[in-house]
Amino acid sequence: MKYQMIVVGPLETNCYLVYDEETRDCLIVDPGADADRIFPVITEEELKPMGILNTHGHIDHIGANRDMKDKYDVPLYMHAGDKDRQPRLNQLELSLFLGAKDSPPPDQFLKDGDEILIGRGVLKVVHTPGHSPGSISLLADGFLLSGDTLFFEGVGRTDLPGGDQKQIERSIRERLMTLPDDLEVLPGHGPLTSIGRERENLSFLE
Protein backbone atom coordinates (compact mmCIF):
# COMPACT_ATOMS: atom_id res chain seq x y z
CA MET A 1 0.00 0.00 0.00
CA LYS A 2 0.93 3.61 -0.58
CA TYR A 3 0.01 6.82 1.21
CA GLN A 4 -0.19 10.54 0.59
CA MET A 5 -0.03 13.07 3.42
CA ILE A 6 -1.97 16.36 3.37
CA VAL A 7 -1.42 18.85 6.20
CA VAL A 8 -4.74 20.45 7.13
CA GLY A 9 -6.10 23.08 9.50
CA PRO A 10 -4.55 25.63 11.87
CA LEU A 11 -3.20 22.84 14.11
CA GLU A 12 -1.47 21.26 11.08
CA THR A 13 -3.06 17.84 11.34
CA ASN A 14 -1.65 15.17 9.04
CA CYS A 15 -4.47 13.71 6.95
CA TYR A 16 -3.44 10.53 5.15
CA LEU A 17 -4.84 8.97 2.01
CA VAL A 18 -3.88 5.30 2.27
CA TYR A 19 -4.44 3.43 -0.97
CA ASP A 20 -3.80 0.35 -3.07
CA GLU A 21 -1.56 1.40 -5.93
CA GLU A 22 -3.26 -0.94 -8.41
CA THR A 23 -6.96 -0.75 -7.53
CA ARG A 24 -6.77 2.89 -6.27
CA ASP A 25 -9.09 1.96 -3.39
CA CYS A 26 -8.46 4.50 -0.64
CA LEU A 27 -9.05 5.09 3.08
CA ILE A 28 -9.22 8.72 4.24
CA VAL A 29 -7.54 8.91 7.66
CA ASP A 30 -8.09 11.93 9.94
CA PRO A 31 -9.61 14.56 7.63
CA GLY A 32 -9.26 17.26 10.26
CA ALA A 33 -10.17 20.30 8.12
CA ASP A 34 -9.58 21.85 4.70
CA ALA A 35 -11.79 19.49 2.72
CA ASP A 36 -11.12 21.61 -0.36
CA ARG A 37 -7.43 20.68 -0.10
CA ILE A 38 -8.18 16.97 0.24
CA PHE A 39 -10.71 16.61 -2.59
CA PRO A 40 -8.33 17.67 -5.41
CA VAL A 41 -5.66 15.17 -4.33
CA ILE A 42 -8.17 12.34 -4.39
CA THR A 43 -9.25 13.42 -7.88
CA GLU A 44 -5.72 13.97 -9.23
CA GLU A 45 -4.52 10.61 -7.95
CA GLU A 46 -7.67 8.90 -9.29
CA LEU A 47 -8.36 7.40 -5.87
CA LYS A 48 -11.59 5.65 -4.94
CA PRO A 49 -12.53 6.37 -1.30
CA MET A 50 -13.85 3.30 0.50
CA GLY A 51 -14.03 4.72 4.02
CA ILE A 52 -13.13 7.49 6.47
CA LEU A 53 -11.26 6.66 9.66
CA ASN A 54 -10.44 8.73 12.74
CA THR A 55 -7.49 7.65 14.88
CA HIS A 56 -9.30 9.40 17.74
CA GLY A 57 -12.19 11.78 18.32
CA HIS A 58 -10.51 15.13 18.86
CA ILE A 59 -11.85 18.02 16.83
CA ASP A 60 -8.64 18.65 14.87
CA HIS A 61 -8.87 15.11 13.43
CA ILE A 62 -12.59 14.90 12.65
CA GLY A 63 -13.48 18.38 11.39
CA ALA A 64 -13.92 17.42 7.72
CA ASN A 65 -15.67 14.09 8.36
CA ARG A 66 -19.00 15.53 7.26
CA ASP A 67 -17.64 16.98 4.03
CA MET A 68 -15.95 13.68 3.17
CA LYS A 69 -19.06 11.66 3.94
CA ASP A 70 -21.38 14.01 2.08
CA LYS A 71 -19.24 13.77 -1.05
CA TYR A 72 -18.30 10.09 -1.07
CA ASP A 73 -21.07 8.40 1.00
CA VAL A 74 -18.67 5.89 2.57
CA PRO A 75 -18.53 4.43 6.11
CA LEU A 76 -16.95 6.36 8.98
CA TYR A 77 -14.83 4.32 11.42
CA MET A 78 -13.67 5.09 14.96
CA HIS A 79 -12.84 3.16 18.13
CA ALA A 80 -15.77 2.90 20.54
CA GLY A 81 -13.64 4.36 23.33
CA ASP A 82 -14.04 7.79 21.74
CA LYS A 83 -17.71 7.54 20.80
CA ASP A 84 -18.59 10.20 23.39
CA ARG A 85 -15.50 12.33 22.73
CA GLN A 86 -16.71 13.94 19.52
CA PRO A 87 -17.34 17.57 20.44
CA ARG A 88 -20.56 19.37 19.72
CA LEU A 89 -19.35 22.31 17.68
CA ASN A 90 -21.58 24.88 19.30
CA GLN A 91 -18.76 27.33 19.95
CA LEU A 92 -18.73 29.36 16.77
CA GLU A 93 -15.30 30.92 17.30
CA LEU A 94 -13.65 27.53 17.86
CA SER A 95 -15.28 25.90 14.85
CA LEU A 96 -14.39 28.83 12.61
CA PHE A 97 -10.79 28.83 13.81
CA LEU A 98 -10.36 25.12 13.14
CA GLY A 99 -12.38 25.09 9.94
CA ALA A 100 -14.36 22.22 11.46
CA LYS A 101 -17.92 20.99 11.11
CA ASP A 102 -19.93 18.82 13.47
CA SER A 103 -19.10 15.19 12.65
CA PRO A 104 -21.70 12.58 11.75
CA PRO A 105 -21.73 9.54 14.05
CA PRO A 106 -19.47 6.61 13.16
CA ASP A 107 -21.01 3.86 11.05
CA GLN A 108 -18.80 1.23 12.65
CA PHE A 109 -16.79 1.07 15.86
CA LEU A 110 -13.40 -0.58 15.63
CA LYS A 111 -11.66 -2.74 18.21
CA ASP A 112 -8.12 -3.97 18.71
CA GLY A 113 -7.14 -6.54 16.09
CA ASP A 114 -9.73 -5.55 13.50
CA GLU A 115 -8.50 -5.54 9.91
CA ILE A 116 -9.57 -3.02 7.29
CA LEU A 117 -9.20 -4.14 3.67
CA ILE A 118 -8.06 -1.51 1.19
CA GLY A 119 -7.89 -3.12 -2.22
CA ARG A 120 -5.38 -5.95 -1.81
CA GLY A 121 -3.87 -4.37 1.31
CA VAL A 122 -4.73 -4.60 4.98
CA LEU A 123 -4.61 -2.12 7.86
CA LYS A 124 -4.61 -3.72 11.31
CA VAL A 125 -6.12 -1.80 14.22
CA VAL A 126 -3.85 -1.47 17.26
CA HIS A 127 -5.61 0.06 20.28
CA THR A 128 -3.19 2.58 21.82
CA PRO A 129 -5.11 4.50 24.50
CA GLY A 130 -3.61 7.31 26.52
CA HIS A 131 -3.99 10.43 24.39
CA SER A 132 -7.68 9.54 24.51
CA PRO A 133 -9.49 6.34 25.54
CA GLY A 134 -10.21 5.37 21.96
CA SER A 135 -6.92 6.29 20.33
CA ILE A 136 -5.80 3.73 17.77
CA SER A 137 -2.82 3.16 15.52
CA LEU A 138 -3.01 1.43 12.14
CA LEU A 139 -0.39 -1.08 11.08
CA ALA A 140 0.28 -1.66 7.39
CA ASP A 141 3.01 -3.51 5.54
CA GLY A 142 5.92 -1.09 5.94
CA PHE A 143 4.38 1.74 7.93
CA LEU A 144 2.34 2.63 11.01
CA LEU A 145 -0.18 5.44 11.34
CA SER A 146 0.23 6.42 14.98
CA GLY A 147 -2.38 9.18 15.33
CA ASP A 148 -1.52 11.40 18.29
CA THR A 149 0.09 8.58 20.27
CA LEU A 150 3.67 8.69 18.94
CA PHE A 151 5.38 11.62 17.26
CA PHE A 152 8.82 12.53 15.96
CA GLU A 153 10.79 12.81 19.23
CA GLY A 154 7.67 12.92 21.37
CA VAL A 155 4.36 11.48 22.49
CA GLY A 156 0.79 12.76 22.53
CA ARG A 157 -0.41 15.13 25.22
CA THR A 158 -2.44 13.66 28.05
CA ASP A 159 -3.76 16.80 29.75
CA LEU A 160 -7.05 16.79 27.82
CA PRO A 161 -10.19 15.04 29.16
CA GLY A 162 -9.71 11.28 28.96
CA GLY A 163 -5.94 11.51 28.67
CA ASP A 164 -3.72 9.28 30.82
CA GLN A 165 0.08 9.57 30.88
CA LYS A 166 0.72 6.13 32.33
CA GLN A 167 -1.61 4.60 29.79
CA ILE A 168 0.03 6.25 26.79
CA GLU A 169 3.46 5.16 28.00
CA ARG A 170 2.16 1.61 28.39
CA SER A 171 0.62 1.70 24.91
CA ILE A 172 3.90 2.81 23.38
CA ARG A 173 6.03 0.39 25.38
CA GLU A 174 3.81 -2.69 25.00
CA ARG A 175 2.09 -2.13 21.65
CA LEU A 176 4.39 -0.02 19.47
CA MET A 177 7.93 -0.71 20.68
CA THR A 178 7.41 -4.40 19.93
CA LEU A 179 7.40 -3.48 16.21
CA PRO A 180 10.51 -3.50 13.97
CA ASP A 181 12.97 -0.60 14.27
CA ASP A 182 12.81 0.15 10.54
CA LEU A 183 9.03 0.54 10.52
CA GLU A 184 8.10 4.01 9.25
CA VAL A 185 5.83 5.98 11.61
CA LEU A 186 3.25 8.40 10.21
CA PRO A 187 2.11 10.61 13.12
CA GLY A 188 -0.95 12.82 13.43
CA HIS A 189 1.17 15.99 13.44
CA GLY A 190 4.70 16.87 12.40
CA PRO A 191 7.36 14.99 10.47
CA LEU A 192 7.57 11.26 9.88
CA THR A 193 9.81 9.09 12.03
CA SER A 194 10.51 5.41 12.73
CA ILE A 195 10.09 2.98 15.61
CA GLY A 196 13.87 2.70 16.00
CA ARG A 197 14.40 6.44 16.19
CA GLU A 198 11.76 6.85 18.88
CA ARG A 199 13.04 3.83 20.78
CA GLU A 200 16.29 5.77 21.22
CA ASN A 201 14.60 9.09 22.07
CA LEU A 202 11.92 8.22 24.62
CA SER A 203 13.27 8.53 28.15
CA PHE A 204 10.55 6.42 29.78
CA LEU A 205 11.78 3.40 27.82
CA GLU A 206 15.15 3.49 29.57
C-alpha atoms as a PDB file:
ATOM      1  CA  MET A   1       0.000   0.000   0.000  1.00  0.00           C
ATOM      2  CA  LYS A   2       0.925   3.614  -0.581  1.00  0.00           C
ATOM      3  CA  TYR A   3       0.009   6.824   1.211  1.00  0.00           C
ATOM      4  CA  GLN A   4      -0.192  10.537   0.591  1.00  0.00           C
ATOM      5  CA  MET A   5      -0.029  13.073   3.422  1.00  0.00           C
ATOM      6  CA  ILE A   6      -1.968  16.359   3.366  1.00  0.00           C
ATOM      7  CA  VAL A   7      -1.418  18.854   6.196  1.00  0.00           C
ATOM      8  CA  VAL A   8      -4.737  20.453   7.135  1.00  0.00           C
ATOM      9  CA  GLY A   9      -6.101  23.076   9.504  1.00  0.00           C
ATOM     10  CA  PRO A  10      -4.547  25.633  11.867  1.00  0.00           C
ATOM     11  CA  LEU A  11      -3.198  22.843  14.112  1.00  0.00           C
ATOM     12  CA  GLU A  12      -1.474  21.262  11.085  1.00  0.00           C
ATOM     13  CA  THR A  13      -3.059  17.840  11.338  1.00  0.00           C
ATOM     14  CA  ASN A  14      -1.652  15.175   9.043  1.00  0.00           C
ATOM     15  CA  CYS A  15      -4.472  13.713   6.951  1.00  0.00           C
ATOM     16  CA  TYR A  16      -3.439  10.525   5.147  1.00  0.00           C
ATOM     17  CA  LEU A  17      -4.844   8.968   2.006  1.00  0.00           C
ATOM     18  CA  VAL A  18      -3.884   5.295   2.270  1.00  0.00           C
ATOM     19  CA  TYR A  19      -4.444   3.432  -0.973  1.00  0.00           C
ATOM     20  CA  ASP A  20      -3.801   0.353  -3.066  1.00  0.00           C
ATOM     21  CA  GLU A  21      -1.559   1.398  -5.934  1.00  0.00           C
ATOM     22  CA  GLU A  22      -3.262  -0.940  -8.409  1.00  0.00           C
ATOM     23  CA  THR A  23      -6.959  -0.753  -7.526  1.00  0.00           C
ATOM     24  CA  ARG A  24      -6.768   2.886  -6.274  1.00  0.00           C
ATOM     25  CA  ASP A  25      -9.088   1.955  -3.390  1.00  0.00           C
ATOM     26  CA  CYS A  26      -8.462   4.501  -0.641  1.00  0.00           C
ATOM     27  CA  LEU A  27      -9.046   5.088   3.075  1.00  0.00           C
ATOM     28  CA  ILE A  28      -9.217   8.725   4.241  1.00  0.00           C
ATOM     29  CA  VAL A  29      -7.545   8.911   7.661  1.00  0.00           C
ATOM     30  CA  ASP A  30      -8.089  11.935   9.939  1.00  0.00           C
ATOM     31  CA  PRO A  31      -9.613  14.559   7.626  1.00  0.00           C
ATOM     32  CA  GLY A  32      -9.259  17.265  10.257  1.00  0.00           C
ATOM     33  CA  ALA A  33     -10.170  20.297   8.121  1.00  0.00           C
ATOM     34  CA  ASP A  34      -9.585  21.849   4.698  1.00  0.00           C
ATOM     35  CA  ALA A  35     -11.794  19.488   2.720  1.00  0.00           C
ATOM     36  CA  ASP A  36     -11.118  21.615  -0.362  1.00  0.00           C
ATOM     37  CA  ARG A  37      -7.433  20.677  -0.105  1.00  0.00           C
ATOM     38  CA  ILE A  38      -8.180  16.967   0.241  1.00  0.00           C
ATOM     39  CA  PHE A  39     -10.714  16.610  -2.586  1.00  0.00           C
ATOM     40  CA  PRO A  40      -8.326  17.672  -5.410  1.00  0.00           C
ATOM     41  CA  VAL A  41      -5.663  15.173  -4.326  1.00  0.00           C
ATOM     42  CA  ILE A  42      -8.174  12.343  -4.391  1.00  0.00           C
ATOM     43  CA  THR A  43      -9.246  13.421  -7.877  1.00  0.00           C
ATOM     44  CA  GLU A  44      -5.725  13.967  -9.230  1.00  0.00           C
ATOM     45  CA  GLU A  45      -4.520  10.605  -7.947  1.00  0.00           C
ATOM     46  CA  GLU A  46      -7.674   8.901  -9.288  1.00  0.00           C
ATOM     47  CA  LEU A  47      -8.362   7.398  -5.868  1.00  0.00           C
ATOM     48  CA  LYS A  48     -11.589   5.648  -4.936  1.00  0.00           C
ATOM     49  CA  PRO A  49     -12.531   6.369  -1.298  1.00  0.00           C
ATOM     50  CA  MET A  50     -13.850   3.297   0.497  1.00  0.00           C
ATOM     51  CA  GLY A  51     -14.032   4.724   4.018  1.00  0.00           C
ATOM     52  CA  ILE A  52     -13.132   7.494   6.467  1.00  0.00           C
ATOM     53  CA  LEU A  53     -11.260   6.660   9.660  1.00  0.00           C
ATOM     54  CA  ASN A  54     -10.435   8.728  12.735  1.00  0.00           C
ATOM     55  CA  THR A  55      -7.491   7.649  14.876  1.00  0.00           C
ATOM     56  CA  HIS A  56      -9.297   9.405  17.736  1.00  0.00           C
ATOM     57  CA  GLY A  57     -12.191  11.775  18.316  1.00  0.00           C
ATOM     58  CA  HIS A  58     -10.506  15.132  18.862  1.00  0.00           C
ATOM     59  CA  ILE A  59     -11.849  18.023  16.830  1.00  0.00           C
ATOM     60  CA  ASP A  60      -8.644  18.650  14.869  1.00  0.00           C
ATOM     61  CA  HIS A  61      -8.866  15.112  13.426  1.00  0.00           C
ATOM     62  CA  ILE A  62     -12.590  14.897  12.650  1.00  0.00           C
ATOM     63  CA  GLY A  63     -13.477  18.384  11.392  1.00  0.00           C
ATOM     64  CA  ALA A  64     -13.921  17.418   7.721  1.00  0.00           C
ATOM     65  CA  ASN A  65     -15.675  14.087   8.357  1.00  0.00           C
ATOM     66  CA  ARG A  66     -19.002  15.528   7.265  1.00  0.00           C
ATOM     67  CA  ASP A  67     -17.636  16.977   4.027  1.00  0.00           C
ATOM     68  CA  MET A  68     -15.949  13.678   3.169  1.00  0.00           C
ATOM     69  CA  LYS A  69     -19.055  11.659   3.942  1.00  0.00           C
ATOM     70  CA  ASP A  70     -21.375  14.010   2.078  1.00  0.00           C
ATOM     71  CA  LYS A  71     -19.241  13.771  -1.052  1.00  0.00           C
ATOM     72  CA  TYR A  72     -18.301  10.087  -1.075  1.00  0.00           C
ATOM     73  CA  ASP A  73     -21.066   8.404   0.999  1.00  0.00           C
ATOM     74  CA  VAL A  74     -18.668   5.885   2.566  1.00  0.00           C
ATOM     75  CA  PRO A  75     -18.531   4.427   6.111  1.00  0.00           C
ATOM     76  CA  LEU A  76     -16.948   6.356   8.978  1.00  0.00           C
ATOM     77  CA  TYR A  77     -14.828   4.321  11.418  1.00  0.00           C
ATOM     78  CA  MET A  78     -13.671   5.088  14.962  1.00  0.00           C
ATOM     79  CA  HIS A  79     -12.837   3.156  18.128  1.00  0.00           C
ATOM     80  CA  ALA A  80     -15.772   2.896  20.538  1.00  0.00           C
ATOM     81  CA  GLY A  81     -13.643   4.364  23.333  1.00  0.00           C
ATOM     82  CA  ASP A  82     -14.039   7.789  21.741  1.00  0.00           C
ATOM     83  CA  LYS A  83     -17.713   7.545  20.802  1.00  0.00           C
ATOM     84  CA  ASP A  84     -18.590  10.203  23.389  1.00  0.00           C
ATOM     85  CA  ARG A  85     -15.498  12.326  22.727  1.00  0.00           C
ATOM     86  CA  GLN A  86     -16.711  13.944  19.522  1.00  0.00           C
ATOM     87  CA  PRO A  87     -17.345  17.569  20.440  1.00  0.00           C
ATOM     88  CA  ARG A  88     -20.559  19.371  19.718  1.00  0.00           C
ATOM     89  CA  LEU A  89     -19.347  22.306  17.680  1.00  0.00           C
ATOM     90  CA  ASN A  90     -21.584  24.878  19.302  1.00  0.00           C
ATOM     91  CA  GLN A  91     -18.762  27.325  19.949  1.00  0.00           C
ATOM     92  CA  LEU A  92     -18.732  29.364  16.772  1.00  0.00           C
ATOM     93  CA  GLU A  93     -15.304  30.917  17.297  1.00  0.00           C
ATOM     94  CA  LEU A  94     -13.649  27.528  17.860  1.00  0.00           C
ATOM     95  CA  SER A  95     -15.282  25.897  14.853  1.00  0.00           C
ATOM     96  CA  LEU A  96     -14.394  28.829  12.606  1.00  0.00           C
ATOM     97  CA  PHE A  97     -10.789  28.831  13.812  1.00  0.00           C
ATOM     98  CA  LEU A  98     -10.360  25.119  13.139  1.00  0.00           C
ATOM     99  CA  GLY A  99     -12.377  25.094   9.937  1.00  0.00           C
ATOM    100  CA  ALA A 100     -14.358  22.219  11.458  1.00  0.00           C
ATOM    101  CA  LYS A 101     -17.921  20.986  11.111  1.00  0.00           C
ATOM    102  CA  ASP A 102     -19.930  18.821  13.471  1.00  0.00           C
ATOM    103  CA  SER A 103     -19.102  15.194  12.649  1.00  0.00           C
ATOM    104  CA  PRO A 104     -21.697  12.582  11.747  1.00  0.00           C
ATOM    105  CA  PRO A 105     -21.726   9.541  14.054  1.00  0.00           C
ATOM    106  CA  PRO A 106     -19.469   6.606  13.160  1.00  0.00           C
ATOM    107  CA  ASP A 107     -21.013   3.859  11.054  1.00  0.00           C
ATOM    108  CA  GLN A 108     -18.805   1.228  12.650  1.00  0.00           C
ATOM    109  CA  PHE A 109     -16.794   1.066  15.855  1.00  0.00           C
ATOM    110  CA  LEU A 110     -13.397  -0.583  15.629  1.00  0.00           C
ATOM    111  CA  LYS A 111     -11.656  -2.737  18.208  1.00  0.00           C
ATOM    112  CA  ASP A 112      -8.117  -3.965  18.708  1.00  0.00           C
ATOM    113  CA  GLY A 113      -7.136  -6.537  16.091  1.00  0.00           C
ATOM    114  CA  ASP A 114      -9.728  -5.552  13.497  1.00  0.00           C
ATOM    115  CA  GLU A 115      -8.503  -5.542   9.906  1.00  0.00           C
ATOM    116  CA  ILE A 116      -9.570  -3.023   7.291  1.00  0.00           C
ATOM    117  CA  LEU A 117      -9.202  -4.139   3.675  1.00  0.00           C
ATOM    118  CA  ILE A 118      -8.060  -1.515   1.193  1.00  0.00           C
ATOM    119  CA  GLY A 119      -7.886  -3.122  -2.224  1.00  0.00           C
ATOM    120  CA  ARG A 120      -5.381  -5.947  -1.813  1.00  0.00           C
ATOM    121  CA  GLY A 121      -3.868  -4.372   1.306  1.00  0.00           C
ATOM    122  CA  VAL A 122      -4.733  -4.597   4.980  1.00  0.00           C
ATOM    123  CA  LEU A 123      -4.611  -2.123   7.859  1.00  0.00           C
ATOM    124  CA  LYS A 124      -4.610  -3.717  11.311  1.00  0.00           C
ATOM    125  CA  VAL A 125      -6.119  -1.799  14.219  1.00  0.00           C
ATOM    126  CA  VAL A 126      -3.853  -1.466  17.265  1.00  0.00           C
ATOM    127  CA  HIS A 127      -5.608   0.056  20.279  1.00  0.00           C
ATOM    128  CA  THR A 128      -3.193   2.577  21.821  1.00  0.00           C
ATOM    129  CA  PRO A 129      -5.114   4.500  24.503  1.00  0.00           C
ATOM    130  CA  GLY A 130      -3.615   7.314  26.524  1.00  0.00           C
ATOM    131  CA  HIS A 131      -3.990  10.430  24.392  1.00  0.00           C
ATOM    132  CA  SER A 132      -7.678   9.537  24.509  1.00  0.00           C
ATOM    133  CA  PRO A 133      -9.494   6.344  25.545  1.00  0.00           C
ATOM    134  CA  GLY A 134     -10.214   5.367  21.963  1.00  0.00           C
ATOM    135  CA  SER A 135      -6.919   6.293  20.327  1.00  0.00           C
ATOM    136  CA  ILE A 136      -5.800   3.733  17.766  1.00  0.00           C
ATOM    137  CA  SER A 137      -2.818   3.159  15.517  1.00  0.00           C
ATOM    138  CA  LEU A 138      -3.009   1.431  12.137  1.00  0.00           C
ATOM    139  CA  LEU A 139      -0.385  -1.081  11.081  1.00  0.00           C
ATOM    140  CA  ALA A 140       0.282  -1.657   7.388  1.00  0.00           C
ATOM    141  CA  ASP A 141       3.015  -3.507   5.543  1.00  0.00           C
ATOM    142  CA  GLY A 142       5.920  -1.087   5.942  1.00  0.00           C
ATOM    143  CA  PHE A 143       4.383   1.737   7.933  1.00  0.00           C
ATOM    144  CA  LEU A 144       2.339   2.626  11.009  1.00  0.00           C
ATOM    145  CA  LEU A 145      -0.181   5.436  11.339  1.00  0.00           C
ATOM    146  CA  SER A 146       0.228   6.423  14.984  1.00  0.00           C
ATOM    147  CA  GLY A 147      -2.382   9.179  15.328  1.00  0.00           C
ATOM    148  CA  ASP A 148      -1.519  11.396  18.291  1.00  0.00           C
ATOM    149  CA  THR A 149       0.091   8.578  20.274  1.00  0.00           C
ATOM    150  CA  LEU A 150       3.665   8.690  18.940  1.00  0.00           C
ATOM    151  CA  PHE A 151       5.384  11.624  17.261  1.00  0.00           C
ATOM    152  CA  PHE A 152       8.819  12.532  15.963  1.00  0.00           C
ATOM    153  CA  GLU A 153      10.789  12.812  19.234  1.00  0.00           C
ATOM    154  CA  GLY A 154       7.674  12.924  21.374  1.00  0.00           C
ATOM    155  CA  VAL A 155       4.364  11.478  22.494  1.00  0.00           C
ATOM    156  CA  GLY A 156       0.793  12.760  22.532  1.00  0.00           C
ATOM    157  CA  ARG A 157      -0.406  15.134  25.223  1.00  0.00           C
ATOM    158  CA  THR A 158      -2.441  13.660  28.054  1.00  0.00           C
ATOM    159  CA  ASP A 159      -3.762  16.795  29.754  1.00  0.00           C
ATOM    160  CA  LEU A 160      -7.052  16.793  27.824  1.00  0.00           C
ATOM    161  CA  PRO A 161     -10.188  15.045  29.157  1.00  0.00           C
ATOM    162  CA  GLY A 162      -9.713  11.284  28.957  1.00  0.00           C
ATOM    163  CA  GLY A 163      -5.937  11.512  28.675  1.00  0.00           C
ATOM    164  CA  ASP A 164      -3.723   9.283  30.817  1.00  0.00           C
ATOM    165  CA  GLN A 165       0.080   9.571  30.882  1.00  0.00           C
ATOM    166  CA  LYS A 166       0.721   6.125  32.330  1.00  0.00           C
ATOM    167  CA  GLN A 167      -1.606   4.596  29.793  1.00  0.00           C
ATOM    168  CA  ILE A 168       0.033   6.249  26.786  1.00  0.00           C
ATOM    169  CA  GLU A 169       3.461   5.158  28.001  1.00  0.00           C
ATOM    170  CA  ARG A 170       2.161   1.606  28.390  1.00  0.00           C
ATOM    171  CA  SER A 171       0.620   1.698  24.906  1.00  0.00           C
ATOM    172  CA  ILE A 172       3.901   2.809  23.378  1.00  0.00           C
ATOM    173  CA  ARG A 173       6.030   0.393  25.378  1.00  0.00           C
ATOM    174  CA  GLU A 174       3.814  -2.685  25.002  1.00  0.00           C
ATOM    175  CA  ARG A 175       2.086  -2.126  21.651  1.00  0.00           C
ATOM    176  CA  LEU A 176       4.390  -0.024  19.474  1.00  0.00           C
ATOM    177  CA  MET A 177       7.927  -0.710  20.682  1.00  0.00           C
ATOM    178  CA  THR A 178       7.407  -4.400  19.925  1.00  0.00           C
ATOM    179  CA  LEU A 179       7.396  -3.477  16.214  1.00  0.00           C
ATOM    180  CA  PRO A 180      10.514  -3.496  13.973  1.00  0.00           C
ATOM    181  CA  ASP A 181      12.965  -0.599  14.267  1.00  0.00           C
ATOM    182  CA  ASP A 182      12.811   0.149  10.539  1.00  0.00           C
ATOM    183  CA  LEU A 183       9.026   0.538  10.516  1.00  0.00           C
ATOM    184  CA  GLU A 184       8.100   4.012   9.253  1.00  0.00           C
ATOM    185  CA  VAL A 185       5.831   5.977  11.613  1.00  0.00           C
ATOM    186  CA  LEU A 186       3.253   8.398  10.212  1.00  0.00           C
ATOM    187  CA  PRO A 187       2.112  10.610  13.121  1.00  0.00           C
ATOM    188  CA  GLY A 188      -0.955  12.819  13.427  1.00  0.00           C
ATOM    189  CA  HIS A 189       1.167  15.987  13.436  1.00  0.00           C
ATOM    190  CA  GLY A 190       4.698  16.872  12.405  1.00  0.00           C
ATOM    191  CA  PRO A 191       7.361  14.991  10.470  1.00  0.00           C
ATOM    192  CA  LEU A 192       7.575  11.263   9.882  1.00  0.00           C
ATOM    193  CA  THR A 193       9.808   9.086  12.033  1.00  0.00           C
ATOM    194  CA  SER A 194      10.514   5.406  12.735  1.00  0.00           C
ATOM    195  CA  ILE A 195      10.090   2.982  15.606  1.00  0.00           C
ATOM    196  CA  GLY A 196      13.870   2.704  15.998  1.00  0.00           C
ATOM    197  CA  ARG A 197      14.400   6.439  16.188  1.00  0.00           C
ATOM    198  CA  GLU A 198      11.765   6.854  18.880  1.00  0.00           C
ATOM    199  CA  ARG A 199      13.044   3.829  20.784  1.00  0.00           C
ATOM    200  CA  GLU A 200      16.287   5.769  21.219  1.00  0.00           C
ATOM    201  CA  ASN A 201      14.602   9.089  22.067  1.00  0.00           C
ATOM    202  CA  LEU A 202      11.919   8.217  24.618  1.00  0.00           C
ATOM    203  CA  SER A 203      13.274   8.528  28.151  1.00  0.00           C
ATOM    204  CA  PHE A 204      10.549   6.425  29.784  1.00  0.00           C
ATOM    205  CA  LEU A 205      11.779   3.401  27.819  1.00  0.00           C
ATOM    206  CA  GLU A 206      15.151   3.490  29.568  1.00  0.00           C
END
